[in-house]
Amino acid sequence: MNTDQLIQSHPNPALLILRGVRLILKSRRRWTKGAMARDRFGETVMSYGSDASCFCLYGAVRRASDELGLTSYRSWAITSLNTAAGGCMITFNDREKTRHQDVIALLDRAIQEAA
């Protein structure tokens, strides 16, 4: 079985997306606010673009689900993050007082609940 088949047959595809998001956002330099994605110059770009170098939570969900070929399960991952955030994950990400460590903690909660 190849990697694509393993990913597609995983019993919890939303968990794979969430873990992918955490890997994307692991470094503070890969996280942003106020845009789905930014390039290395800080300009807003599309999350699926090759020039995207940092992402908000939602942009990272889009990127991870695209890269894993799991776009049909994206809404499950979004629901998990919204639940962990106690509301809208986009609002959580973009709040003035939200820090990178808060986003990682939110991802860890969502991953734990999904596992």
PDB file of N, CA and C in Angstrom:
ATOM      1  N   MET A   1       0.850  -1.177   0.000  1.00  0.00           N
ATOM      2  CA  MET A   1       0.000   0.000   0.000  1.00  0.00           C
ATOM      3  C   MET A   1       0.897   1.241   0.000  1.00  0.00           C
ATOM      4  N   ASN A   2       0.639   2.183  -0.908  1.00  0.00           N
ATOM      5  CA  ASN A   2       1.463   3.402  -0.953  1.00  0.00           C
ATOM      6  C   ASN A   2       0.949   4.449   0.033  1.00  0.00           C
ATOM      7  N   THR A   3       1.686   5.536   0.160  1.00  0.00           N
ATOM      8  CA  THR A   3       1.358   6.575   1.137  1.00  0.00           C
ATOM      9  C   THR A   3      -0.026   7.161   0.898  1.00  0.00           C
ATOM     10  N   ASP A   4      -0.366   7.460  -0.347  1.00  0.00           N
ATOM     11  CA  ASP A   4      -1.694   8.018  -0.654  1.00  0.00           C
ATOM     12  C   ASP A   4      -2.807   7.068  -0.219  1.00  0.00           C
ATOM     13  N   GLN A   5      -2.615   5.776  -0.461  1.00  0.00           N
ATOM     14  CA  GLN A   5      -3.627   4.803  -0.062  1.00  0.00           C
ATOM     15  C   GLN A   5      -3.739   4.720   1.462  1.00  0.00           C
ATOM     16  N   LEU A   6      -2.610   4.801   2.149  1.00  0.00           N
ATOM     17  CA  LEU A   6      -2.632   4.783   3.612  1.00  0.00           C
ATOM     18  C   LEU A   6      -3.376   5.990   4.160  1.00  0.00           C
ATOM     19  N   ILE A   7      -3.111   7.152   3.597  1.00  0.00           N
ATOM     20  CA  ILE A   7      -3.791   8.369   4.041  1.00  0.00           C
ATOM     21  C   ILE A   7      -5.288   8.261   3.780  1.00  0.00           C
ATOM     22  N   GLN A   8      -5.653   7.858   2.574  1.00  0.00           N
ATOM     23  CA  GLN A   8      -7.065   7.774   2.200  1.00  0.00           C
ATOM     24  C   GLN A   8      -7.831   6.729   3.017  1.00  0.00           C
ATOM     25  N   SER A   9      -7.136   5.701   3.490  1.00  0.00           N
ATOM     26  CA  SER A   9      -7.818   4.637   4.241  1.00  0.00           C
ATOM     27  C   SER A   9      -7.728   4.825   5.758  1.00  0.00           C
ATOM     28  N   HIS A  10      -7.131   5.911   6.199  1.00  0.00           N
ATOM     29  CA  HIS A  10      -6.993   6.147   7.646  1.00  0.00           C
ATOM     30  C   HIS A  10      -8.378   6.240   8.279  1.00  0.00           C
ATOM     31  N   PRO A  11      -8.578   5.635   9.465  1.00  0.00           N
ATOM     32  CA  PRO A  11      -9.902   5.650  10.094  1.00  0.00           C
ATOM     33  C   PRO A  11     -10.351   7.025  10.597  1.00  0.00           C
ATOM     34  N   ASN A  12      -9.436   7.977  10.724  1.00  0.00           N
ATOM     35  CA  ASN A  12      -9.792   9.299  11.227  1.00  0.00           C
ATOM     36  C   ASN A  12      -9.069  10.376  10.417  1.00  0.00           C
ATOM     37  N   PRO A  13      -9.569  10.672   9.205  1.00  0.00           N
ATOM     38  CA  PRO A  13      -8.890  11.640   8.347  1.00  0.00           C
ATOM     39  C   PRO A  13      -8.807  13.045   8.948  1.00  0.00           C
ATOM     40  N   ALA A  14      -9.789  13.425   9.749  1.00  0.00           N
ATOM     41  CA  ALA A  14      -9.744  14.753  10.379  1.00  0.00           C
ATOM     42  C   ALA A  14      -8.543  14.850  11.316  1.00  0.00           C
ATOM     43  N   LEU A  15      -8.222  13.771  11.991  1.00  0.00           N
ATOM     44  CA  LEU A  15      -7.059  13.750  12.876  1.00  0.00           C
ATOM     45  C   LEU A  15      -5.771  13.950  12.074  1.00  0.00           C
ATOM     46  N   LEU A  16      -5.678  13.335  10.911  1.00  0.00           N
ATOM     47  CA  LEU A  16      -4.511  13.539  10.057  1.00  0.00           C
ATOM     48  C   LEU A  16      -4.379  15.003   9.652  1.00  0.00           C
ATOM     49  N   ILE A  17      -5.496  15.631   9.315  1.00  0.00           N
ATOM     50  CA  ILE A  17      -5.471  17.053   8.942  1.00  0.00           C
ATOM     51  C   ILE A  17      -4.998  17.886  10.129  1.00  0.00           C
ATOM     52  N   LEU A  18      -5.566  17.643  11.306  1.00  0.00           N
ATOM     53  CA  LEU A  18      -5.179  18.407  12.496  1.00  0.00           C
ATOM     54  C   LEU A  18      -3.692  18.253  12.804  1.00  0.00           C
ATOM     55  N   ARG A  19      -3.187  17.043  12.672  1.00  0.00           N
ATOM     56  CA  ARG A  19      -1.749  16.830  12.892  1.00  0.00           C
ATOM     57  C   ARG A  19      -0.923  17.548  11.835  1.00  0.00           C
ATOM     58  N   GLY A  20      -1.426  17.571  10.606  1.00  0.00           N
ATOM     59  CA  GLY A  20      -0.748  18.316   9.550  1.00  0.00           C
ATOM     60  C   GLY A  20      -0.723  19.808   9.831  1.00  0.00           C
ATOM     61  N   VAL A  21      -1.833  20.333  10.332  1.00  0.00           N
ATOM     62  CA  VAL A  21      -1.913  21.754  10.694  1.00  0.00           C
ATOM     63  C   VAL A  21      -0.893  22.061  11.787  1.00  0.00           C
ATOM     64  N   ARG A  22      -0.798  21.191  12.770  1.00  0.00           N
ATOM     65  CA  ARG A  22       0.164  21.428  13.850  1.00  0.00           C
ATOM     66  C   ARG A  22       1.598  21.433  13.326  1.00  0.00           C
ATOM     67  N   LEU A  23       1.890  20.541  12.413  1.00  0.00           N
ATOM     68  CA  LEU A  23       3.227  20.529  11.811  1.00  0.00           C
ATOM     69  C   LEU A  23       3.506  21.822  11.036  1.00  0.00           C
ATOM     70  N   ILE A  24       2.509  22.280  10.298  1.00  0.00           N
ATOM     71  CA  ILE A  24       2.670  23.528   9.537  1.00  0.00           C
ATOM     72  C   ILE A  24       2.926  24.702  10.469  1.00  0.00           C
ATOM     73  N   LEU A  25       2.162  24.774  11.567  1.00  0.00           N
ATOM     74  CA  LEU A  25       2.217  25.938  12.461  1.00  0.00           C
ATOM     75  C   LEU A  25       3.191  25.765  13.628  1.00  0.00           C
ATOM     76  N   LYS A  26       3.930  24.677  13.654  1.00  0.00           N
ATOM     77  CA  LYS A  26       4.846  24.387  14.761  1.00  0.00           C
ATOM     78  C   LYS A  26       5.795  25.556  15.048  1.00  0.00           C
ATOM     79  N   SER A  27       6.336  26.133  14.027  1.00  0.00           N
ATOM     80  CA  SER A  27       7.245  27.273  14.175  1.00  0.00           C
ATOM     81  C   SER A  27       6.458  28.582  14.196  1.00  0.00           C
ATOM     82  N   ARG A  28       6.788  29.454  15.093  1.00  0.00           N
ATOM     83  CA  ARG A  28       6.128  30.771  15.193  1.00  0.00           C
ATOM     84  C   ARG A  28       6.194  31.522  13.860  1.00  0.00           C
ATOM     85  N   ARG A  29       7.272  31.328  13.127  1.00  0.00           N
ATOM     86  CA  ARG A  29       7.434  32.027  11.843  1.00  0.00           C
ATOM     87  C   ARG A  29       6.440  31.567  10.785  1.00  0.00           C
ATOM     88  N   ARG A  30       5.794  30.418  10.992  1.00  0.00           N
ATOM     89  CA  ARG A  30       4.847  29.880  10.010  1.00  0.00           C
ATOM     90  C   ARG A  30       3.396  30.274  10.309  1.00  0.00           C
ATOM     91  N   TRP A  31       3.175  31.080  11.360  1.00  0.00           N
ATOM     92  CA  TRP A  31       1.823  31.469  11.776  1.00  0.00           C
ATOM     93  C   TRP A  31       1.603  32.950  11.507  1.00  0.00           C
ATOM     94  N   THR A  32       0.354  33.299  11.144  1.00  0.00           N
ATOM     95  CA  THR A  32       0.002  34.700  10.922  1.00  0.00           C
ATOM     96  C   THR A  32      -1.419  34.969  11.384  1.00  0.00           C
ATOM     97  N   LYS A  33      -1.749  36.233  11.420  1.00  0.00           N
ATOM     98  CA  LYS A  33      -3.106  36.699  11.730  1.00  0.00           C
ATOM     99  C   LYS A  33      -3.580  37.581  10.582  1.00  0.00           C
ATOM    100  N   GLY A  34      -4.898  37.675  10.429  1.00  0.00           N
ATOM    101  CA  GLY A  34      -5.476  38.638   9.507  1.00  0.00           C
ATOM    102  C   GLY A  34      -5.448  38.264   8.035  1.00  0.00           C
ATOM    103  N   ALA A  35      -4.943  37.098   7.713  1.00  0.00           N
ATOM    104  CA  ALA A  35      -4.919  36.600   6.331  1.00  0.00           C
ATOM    105  C   ALA A  35      -4.791  35.086   6.387  1.00  0.00           C
ATOM    106  N   MET A  36      -5.349  34.397   5.386  1.00  0.00           N
ATOM    107  CA  MET A  36      -5.208  32.941   5.357  1.00  0.00           C
ATOM    108  C   MET A  36      -3.757  32.535   5.205  1.00  0.00           C
ATOM    109  N   ALA A  37      -3.015  33.306   4.405  1.00  0.00           N
ATOM    110  CA  ALA A  37      -1.607  32.987   4.189  1.00  0.00           C
ATOM    111  C   ALA A  37      -0.870  34.249   3.757  1.00  0.00           C
ATOM    112  N   ARG A  38       0.420  34.244   4.008  1.00  0.00           N
ATOM    113  CA  ARG A  38       1.290  35.350   3.589  1.00  0.00           C
ATOM    114  C   ARG A  38       2.554  34.770   2.967  1.00  0.00           C
ATOM    115  N   ASP A  39       3.159  35.557   2.108  1.00  0.00           N
ATOM    116  CA  ASP A  39       4.439  35.154   1.529  1.00  0.00           C
ATOM    117  C   ASP A  39       5.581  35.642   2.409  1.00  0.00           C
ATOM    118  N   ARG A  40       6.796  35.432   1.981  1.00  0.00           N
ATOM    119  CA  ARG A  40       7.954  35.785   2.805  1.00  0.00           C
ATOM    120  C   ARG A  40       8.112  37.286   2.998  1.00  0.00           C
ATOM    121  N   PHE A  41       7.361  38.077   2.214  1.00  0.00           N
ATOM    122  CA  PHE A  41       7.402  39.531   2.345  1.00  0.00           C
ATOM    123  C   PHE A  41       6.254  40.071   3.192  1.00  0.00           C
ATOM    124  N   GLY A  42       5.389  39.167   3.675  1.00  0.00           N
ATOM    125  CA  GLY A  42       4.252  39.566   4.491  1.00  0.00           C
ATOM    126  C   GLY A  42       3.014  39.932   3.701  1.00  0.00           C
ATOM    127  N   GLU A  43       3.064  39.721   2.397  1.00  0.00           N
ATOM    128  CA  GLU A  43       1.911  40.020   1.542  1.00  0.00           C
ATOM    129  C   GLU A  43       0.910  38.868   1.580  1.00  0.00           C
ATOM    130  N   THR A  44      -0.380  39.190   1.533  1.00  0.00           N
ATOM    131  CA  THR A  44      -1.430  38.181   1.523  1.00  0.00           C
ATOM    132  C   THR A  44      -1.384  37.386   0.224  1.00  0.00           C
ATOM    133  N   VAL A  45      -1.414  36.058   0.363  1.00  0.00           N
ATOM    134  CA  VAL A  45      -1.432  35.147  -0.783  1.00  0.00           C
ATOM    135  C   VAL A  45      -2.446  34.036  -0.509  1.00  0.00           C
ATOM    136  N   MET A  46      -2.685  33.196  -1.481  1.00  0.00           N
ATOM    137  CA  MET A  46      -3.593  32.063  -1.309  1.00  0.00           C
ATOM    138  C   MET A  46      -2.883  30.949  -0.536  1.00  0.00           C
ATOM    139  N   SER A  47      -3.619  30.248   0.292  1.00  0.00           N
ATOM    140  CA  SER A  47      -3.012  29.209   1.139  1.00  0.00           C
ATOM    141  C   SER A  47      -2.446  28.054   0.328  1.00  0.00           C
ATOM    142  N   TYR A  48      -2.945  27.839  -0.861  1.00  0.00           N
ATOM    143  CA  TYR A  48      -2.455  26.737  -1.693  1.00  0.00           C
ATOM    144  C   TYR A  48      -1.298  27.149  -2.600  1.00  0.00           C
ATOM    145  N   GLY A  49      -0.934  28.416  -2.594  1.00  0.00           N
ATOM    146  CA  GLY A  49       0.128  28.893  -3.460  1.00  0.00           C
ATOM    147  C   GLY A  49       1.510  28.471  -2.998  1.00  0.00           C
ATOM    148  N   SER A  50       2.395  28.286  -3.952  1.00  0.00           N
ATOM    149  CA  SER A  50       3.763  27.877  -3.611  1.00  0.00           C
ATOM    150  C   SER A  50       4.526  28.981  -2.888  1.00  0.00           C
ATOM    151  N   ASP A  51       4.020  30.217  -2.994  1.00  0.00           N
ATOM    152  CA  ASP A  51       4.685  31.335  -2.324  1.00  0.00           C
ATOM    153  C   ASP A  51       4.218  31.526  -0.881  1.00  0.00           C
ATOM    154  N   ALA A  52       3.219  30.784  -0.442  1.00  0.00           N
ATOM    155  CA  ALA A  52       2.720  30.896   0.935  1.00  0.00           C
ATOM    156  C   ALA A  52       3.764  30.339   1.900  1.00  0.00           C
ATOM    157  N   SER A  53       4.111  31.148   2.905  1.00  0.00           N
ATOM    158  CA  SER A  53       5.123  30.704   3.866  1.00  0.00           C
ATOM    159  C   SER A  53       4.630  30.730   5.306  1.00  0.00           C
ATOM    160  N   CYS A  54       3.528  31.415   5.568  1.00  0.00           N
ATOM    161  CA  CYS A  54       2.920  31.376   6.897  1.00  0.00           C
ATOM    162  C   CYS A  54       1.410  31.415   6.740  1.00  0.00           C
ATOM    163  N   PHE A  55       0.713  30.889   7.746  1.00  0.00           N
ATOM    164  CA  PHE A  55      -0.715  30.629   7.634  1.00  0.00           C
ATOM    165  C   PHE A  55      -1.437  30.947   8.932  1.00  0.00           C
ATOM    166  N   CYS A  56      -2.692  31.346   8.826  1.00  0.00           N
ATOM    167  CA  CYS A  56      -3.566  31.388  10.000  1.00  0.00           C
ATOM    168  C   CYS A  56      -4.080  29.959  10.202  1.00  0.00           C
ATOM    169  N   LEU A  57      -4.837  29.722  11.256  1.00  0.00           N
ATOM    170  CA  LEU A  57      -5.380  28.387  11.498  1.00  0.00           C
ATOM    171  C   LEU A  57      -6.163  27.878  10.295  1.00  0.00           C
ATOM    172  N   TYR A  58      -7.068  28.704   9.778  1.00  0.00           N
ATOM    173  CA  TYR A  58      -7.901  28.263   8.656  1.00  0.00           C
ATOM    174  C   TYR A  58      -7.055  28.010   7.409  1.00  0.00           C
ATOM    175  N   GLY A  59      -6.111  28.879   7.143  1.00  0.00           N
ATOM    176  CA  GLY A  59      -5.233  28.686   5.993  1.00  0.00           C
ATOM    177  C   GLY A  59      -4.418  27.412   6.118  1.00  0.00           C
ATOM    178  N   ALA A  60      -3.975  27.095   7.336  1.00  0.00           N
ATOM    179  CA  ALA A  60      -3.210  25.866   7.565  1.00  0.00           C
ATOM    180  C   ALA A  60      -4.096  24.631   7.398  1.00  0.00           C
ATOM    181  N   VAL A  61      -5.368  24.722   7.786  1.00  0.00           N
ATOM    182  CA  VAL A  61      -6.307  23.609   7.566  1.00  0.00           C
ATOM    183  C   VAL A  61      -6.473  23.379   6.071  1.00  0.00           C
ATOM    184  N   ARG A  62      -6.645  24.458   5.333  1.00  0.00           N
ATOM    185  CA  ARG A  62      -6.782  24.329   3.874  1.00  0.00           C
ATOM    186  C   ARG A  62      -5.525  23.723   3.265  1.00  0.00           C
ATOM    187  N   ARG A  63      -4.366  24.220   3.671  1.00  0.00           N
ATOM    188  CA  ARG A  63      -3.104  23.722   3.123  1.00  0.00           C
ATOM    189  C   ARG A  63      -2.899  22.243   3.454  1.00  0.00           C
ATOM    190  N   ALA A  64      -3.088  21.878   4.725  1.00  0.00           N
ATOM    191  CA  ALA A  64      -2.885  20.481   5.135  1.00  0.00           C
ATOM    192  C   ALA A  64      -3.855  19.545   4.422  1.00  0.00           C
ATOM    193  N   SER A  65      -5.128  19.917   4.369  1.00  0.00           N
ATOM    194  CA  SER A  65      -6.105  19.030   3.723  1.00  0.00           C
ATOM    195  C   SER A  65      -5.845  18.918   2.226  1.00  0.00           C
ATOM    196  N   ASP A  66      -5.401  20.002   1.601  1.00  0.00           N
ATOM    197  CA  ASP A  66      -5.037  19.945   0.176  1.00  0.00           C
ATOM    198  C   ASP A  66      -3.846  19.019  -0.031  1.00  0.00           C
ATOM    199  N   GLU A  67      -2.789  19.212   0.760  1.00  0.00           N
ATOM    200  CA  GLU A  67      -1.567  18.424   0.588  1.00  0.00           C
ATOM    201  C   GLU A  67      -1.783  16.945   0.882  1.00  0.00           C
ATOM    202  N   LEU A  68      -2.689  16.648   1.808  1.00  0.00           N
ATOM    203  CA  LEU A  68      -2.971  15.256   2.145  1.00  0.00           C
ATOM    204  C   LEU A  68      -4.007  14.617   1.219  1.00  0.00           C
ATOM    205  N   GLY A  69      -4.634  15.425   0.369  1.00  0.00           N
ATOM    206  CA  GLY A  69      -5.686  14.905  -0.501  1.00  0.00           C
ATOM    207  C   GLY A  69      -6.949  14.574   0.269  1.00  0.00           C
ATOM    208  N   LEU A  70      -7.190  15.309   1.355  1.00  0.00           N
ATOM    209  CA  LEU A  70      -8.330  15.040   2.232  1.00  0.00           C
ATOM    210  C   LEU A  70      -9.294  16.223   2.294  1.00  0.00           C
ATOM    211  N   THR A  71      -9.466  16.920   1.199  1.00  0.00           N
ATOM    212  CA  THR A  71     -10.318  18.117   1.216  1.00  0.00           C
ATOM    213  C   THR A  71     -11.763  17.806   1.600  1.00  0.00           C
ATOM    214  N   SER A  72     -12.237  16.606   1.311  1.00  0.00           N
ATOM    215  CA  SER A  72     -13.623  16.276   1.662  1.00  0.00           C
ATOM    216  C   SER A  72     -13.813  16.125   3.169  1.00  0.00           C
ATOM    217  N   TYR A  73     -12.713  16.046   3.933  1.00  0.00           N
ATOM    218  CA  TYR A  73     -12.788  15.941   5.389  1.00  0.00           C
ATOM    219  C   TYR A  73     -12.420  17.247   6.093  1.00  0.00           C
ATOM    220  N   ARG A  74     -12.192  18.291   5.312  1.00  0.00           N
ATOM    221  CA  ARG A  74     -11.774  19.587   5.869  1.00  0.00           C
ATOM    222  C   ARG A  74     -12.777  20.098   6.903  1.00  0.00           C
ATOM    223  N   SER A  75     -14.069  19.977   6.607  1.00  0.00           N
ATOM    224  CA  SER A  75     -15.087  20.513   7.528  1.00  0.00           C
ATOM    225  C   SER A  75     -15.037  19.809   8.883  1.00  0.00           C
ATOM    226  N   TRP A  76     -14.657  18.536   8.925  1.00  0.00           N
ATOM    227  CA  TRP A  76     -14.529  17.826  10.202  1.00  0.00           C
ATOM    228  C   TRP A  76     -13.422  18.443  11.042  1.00  0.00           C
ATOM    229  N   ALA A  77     -12.304  18.749  10.409  1.00  0.00           N
ATOM    230  CA  ALA A  77     -11.188  19.369  11.133  1.00  0.00           C
ATOM    231  C   ALA A  77     -11.577  20.762  11.620  1.00  0.00           C
ATOM    232  N   ILE A  78     -12.293  21.506  10.789  1.00  0.00           N
ATOM    233  CA  ILE A  78     -12.743  22.847  11.164  1.00  0.00           C
ATOM    234  C   ILE A  78     -13.684  22.767  12.352  1.00  0.00           C
ATOM    235  N   THR A  79     -14.609  21.823  12.326  1.00  0.00           N
ATOM    236  CA  THR A  79     -15.536  21.650  13.445  1.00  0.00           C
ATOM    237  C   THR A  79     -14.780  21.309  14.728  1.00  0.00           C
ATOM    238  N   SER A  80     -13.778  20.451  14.626  1.00  0.00           N
ATOM    239  CA  SER A  80     -12.968  20.104  15.801  1.00  0.00           C
ATOM    240  C   SER A  80     -12.280  21.333  16.381  1.00  0.00           C
ATOM    241  N   LEU A  81     -11.728  22.171  15.512  1.00  0.00           N
ATOM    242  CA  LEU A  81     -11.044  23.378  15.981  1.00  0.00           C
ATOM    243  C   LEU A  81     -12.030  24.399  16.542  1.00  0.00           C
ATOM    244  N   ASN A  82     -13.184  24.541  15.918  1.00  0.00           N
ATOM    245  CA  ASN A  82     -14.203  25.458  16.443  1.00  0.00           C
ATOM    246  C   ASN A  82     -14.663  25.012  17.827  1.00  0.00           C
ATOM    247  N   THR A  83     -14.843  23.711  18.002  1.00  0.00           N
ATOM    248  CA  THR A  83     -15.250  23.176  19.300  1.00  0.00           C
ATOM    249  C   THR A  83     -14.178  23.452  20.350  1.00  0.00           C
ATOM    250  N   ALA A  84     -12.921  23.180  20.009  1.00  0.00           N
ATOM    251  CA  ALA A  84     -11.818  23.416  20.946  1.00  0.00           C
ATOM    252  C   ALA A  84     -11.678  24.899  21.288  1.00  0.00           C
ATOM    253  N   ALA A  85     -12.017  25.765  20.324  1.00  0.00           N
ATOM    254  CA  ALA A  85     -11.915  27.213  20.532  1.00  0.00           C
ATOM    255  C   ALA A  85     -13.123  27.764  21.281  1.00  0.00           C
ATOM    256  N   GLY A  86     -14.175  26.980  21.405  1.00  0.00           N
ATOM    257  CA  GLY A  86     -15.399  27.459  22.046  1.00  0.00           C
ATOM    258  C   GLY A  86     -16.103  28.503  21.194  1.00  0.00           C
ATOM    259  N   GLY A  87     -15.922  28.412  19.900  1.00  0.00           N
ATOM    260  CA  GLY A  87     -16.499  29.367  18.943  1.00  0.00           C
ATOM    261  C   GLY A  87     -15.746  29.263  17.630  1.00  0.00           C
ATOM    262  N   CYS A  88     -15.636  30.358  16.958  1.00  0.00           N
ATOM    263  CA  CYS A  88     -15.007  30.379  15.641  1.00  0.00           C
ATOM    264  C   CYS A  88     -13.477  30.393  15.745  1.00  0.00           C
ATOM    265  N   MET A  89     -12.845  29.405  15.142  1.00  0.00           N
ATOM    266  CA  MET A  89     -11.382  29.328  15.201  1.00  0.00           C
ATOM    267  C   MET A  89     -10.722  30.510  14.500  1.00  0.00           C
ATOM    268  N   ILE A  90     -11.370  31.056  13.495  1.00  0.00           N
ATOM    269  CA  ILE A  90     -10.811  32.219  12.780  1.00  0.00           C
ATOM    270  C   ILE A  90     -10.776  33.422  13.717  1.00  0.00           C
ATOM    271  N   THR A  91     -11.864  33.632  14.448  1.00  0.00           N
ATOM    272  CA  THR A  91     -11.909  34.715  15.427  1.00  0.00           C
ATOM    273  C   THR A  91     -10.857  34.497  16.506  1.00  0.00           C
ATOM    274  N   PHE A  92     -10.745  33.257  16.978  1.00  0.00           N
ATOM    275  CA  PHE A  92      -9.730  32.924  17.983  1.00  0.00           C
ATOM    276  C   PHE A  92      -8.336  33.271  17.464  1.00  0.00           C
ATOM    277  N   ASN A  93      -8.024  32.843  16.267  1.00  0.00           N
ATOM    278  CA  ASN A  93      -6.703  33.084  15.679  1.00  0.00           C
ATOM    279  C   ASN A  93      -6.394  34.578  15.576  1.00  0.00           C
ATOM    280  N   ASP A  94      -7.389  35.360  15.175  1.00  0.00           N
ATOM    281  CA  ASP A  94      -7.154  36.771  14.860  1.00  0.00           C
ATOM    282  C   ASP A  94      -7.360  37.729  16.026  1.00  0.00           C
ATOM    283  N   ARG A  95      -7.779  37.209  17.181  1.00  0.00           N
ATOM    284  CA  ARG A  95      -7.915  38.096  18.345  1.00  0.00           C
ATOM    285  C   ARG A  95      -6.587  38.763  18.651  1.00  0.00           C
ATOM    286  N   GLU A  96      -6.654  39.990  19.121  1.00  0.00           N
ATOM    287  CA  GLU A  96      -5.434  40.737  19.416  1.00  0.00           C
ATOM    288  C   GLU A  96      -4.545  40.022  20.427  1.00  0.00           C
ATOM    289  N   LYS A  97      -5.165  39.417  21.447  1.00  0.00           N
ATOM    290  CA  LYS A  97      -4.363  38.813  22.508  1.00  0.00           C
ATOM    291  C   LYS A  97      -3.948  37.363  22.231  1.00  0.00           C
ATOM    292  N   THR A  98      -4.390  36.783  21.124  1.00  0.00           N
ATOM    293  CA  THR A  98      -3.983  35.417  20.809  1.00  0.00           C
ATOM    294  C   THR A  98      -2.525  35.387  20.386  1.00  0.00           C
ATOM    295  N   ARG A  99      -1.779  34.467  21.006  1.00  0.00           N
ATOM    296  CA  ARG A  99      -0.358  34.293  20.691  1.00  0.00           C
ATOM    297  C   ARG A  99      -0.151  32.933  20.032  1.00  0.00           C
ATOM    298  N   HIS A 100       1.001  32.740  19.475  1.00  0.00           N
ATOM    299  CA  HIS A 100       1.313  31.472  18.806  1.00  0.00           C
ATOM    300  C   HIS A 100       1.122  30.298  19.760  1.00  0.00           C
ATOM    301  N   GLN A 101       1.578  30.431  20.985  1.00  0.00           N
ATOM    302  CA  GLN A 101       1.443  29.333  21.953  1.00  0.00           C
ATOM    303  C   GLN A 101      -0.020  29.000  22.223  1.00  0.00           C
ATOM    304  N   ASP A 102      -0.917  29.992  22.124  1.00  0.00           N
ATOM    305  CA  ASP A 102      -2.349  29.737  22.295  1.00  0.00           C
ATOM    306  C   ASP A 102      -2.890  28.882  21.148  1.00  0.00           C
ATOM    307  N   VAL A 103      -2.414  29.162  19.949  1.00  0.00           N
ATOM    308  CA  VAL A 103      -2.844  28.408  18.766  1.00  0.00           C
ATOM    309  C   VAL A 103      -2.361  26.964  18.863  1.00  0.00           C
ATOM    310  N   ILE A 104      -1.125  26.771  19.296  1.00  0.00           N
ATOM    311  CA  ILE A 104      -0.594  25.412  19.453  1.00  0.00           C
ATOM    312  C   ILE A 104      -1.370  24.663  20.537  1.00  0.00           C
ATOM    313  N   ALA A 105      -1.691  25.337  21.622  1.00  0.00           N
ATOM    314  CA  ALA A 105      -2.475  24.705  22.692  1.00  0.00           C
ATOM    315  C   ALA A 105      -3.867  24.315  22.184  1.00  0.00           C
ATOM    316  N   LEU A 106      -4.484  25.172  21.380  1.00  0.00           N
ATOM    317  CA  LEU A 106      -5.785  24.868  20.787  1.00  0.00           C
ATOM    318  C   LEU A 106      -5.676  23.639  19.883  1.00  0.00           C
ATOM    319  N   LEU A 107      -4.652  23.579  19.069  1.00  0.00           N
ATOM    320  CA  LEU A 107      -4.443  22.416  18.206  1.00  0.00           C
ATOM    321  C   LEU A 107      -4.248  21.156  19.030  1.00  0.00           C
ATOM    322  N   ASP A 108      -3.482  21.249  20.088  1.00  0.00           N
ATOM    323  CA  ASP A 108      -3.271  20.076  20.944  1.00  0.00           C
ATOM    324  C   ASP A 108      -4.573  19.579  21.554  1.00  0.00           C
ATOM    325  N   ARG A 109      -5.437  20.506  21.982  1.00  0.00           N
ATOM    326  CA  ARG A 109      -6.755  20.119  22.536  1.00  0.00           C
ATOM    327  C   ARG A 109      -7.599  19.432  21.458  1.00  0.00           C
ATOM    328  N   ALA A 110      -7.632  20.008  20.267  1.00  0.00           N
ATOM    329  CA  ALA A 110      -8.424  19.444  19.181  1.00  0.00           C
ATOM    330  C   ALA A 110      -7.905  18.059  18.786  1.00  0.00           C
ATOM    331  N   ILE A 111      -6.591  17.911  18.732  1.00  0.00           N
ATOM    332  CA  ILE A 111      -5.986  16.618  18.400  1.00  0.00           C
ATOM    333  C   ILE A 111      -6.314  15.583  19.463  1.00  0.00           C
ATOM    334  N   GLN A 112      -6.209  15.983  20.722  1.00  0.00           N
ATOM    335  CA  GLN A 112      -6.524  15.049  21.809  1.00  0.00           C
ATOM    336  C   GLN A 112      -7.988  14.598  21.745  1.00  0.00           C
ATOM    337  N   GLU A 113      -8.882  15.527  21.465  1.00  0.00           N
ATOM    338  CA  GLU A 113     -10.309  15.177  21.372  1.00  0.00           C
ATOM    339  C   GLU A 113     -10.593  14.288  20.166  1.00  0.00           C
ATOM    340  N   ALA A 114      -9.877  14.498  19.079  1.00  0.00           N
ATOM    341  CA  ALA A 114     -10.121  13.735  17.855  1.00  0.00           C
ATOM    342  C   ALA A 114      -9.493  12.350  17.892  1.00  0.00           C
ATOM    343  N   ALA A 115      -8.474  12.185  18.748  1.00  0.00           N
ATOM    344  CA  ALA A 115      -7.731  10.901  18.766  1.00  0.00           C
ATOM    345  C   ALA A 115      -8.533   9.768  19.402  1.00  0.00           C
TER     346      ALA A 115
END
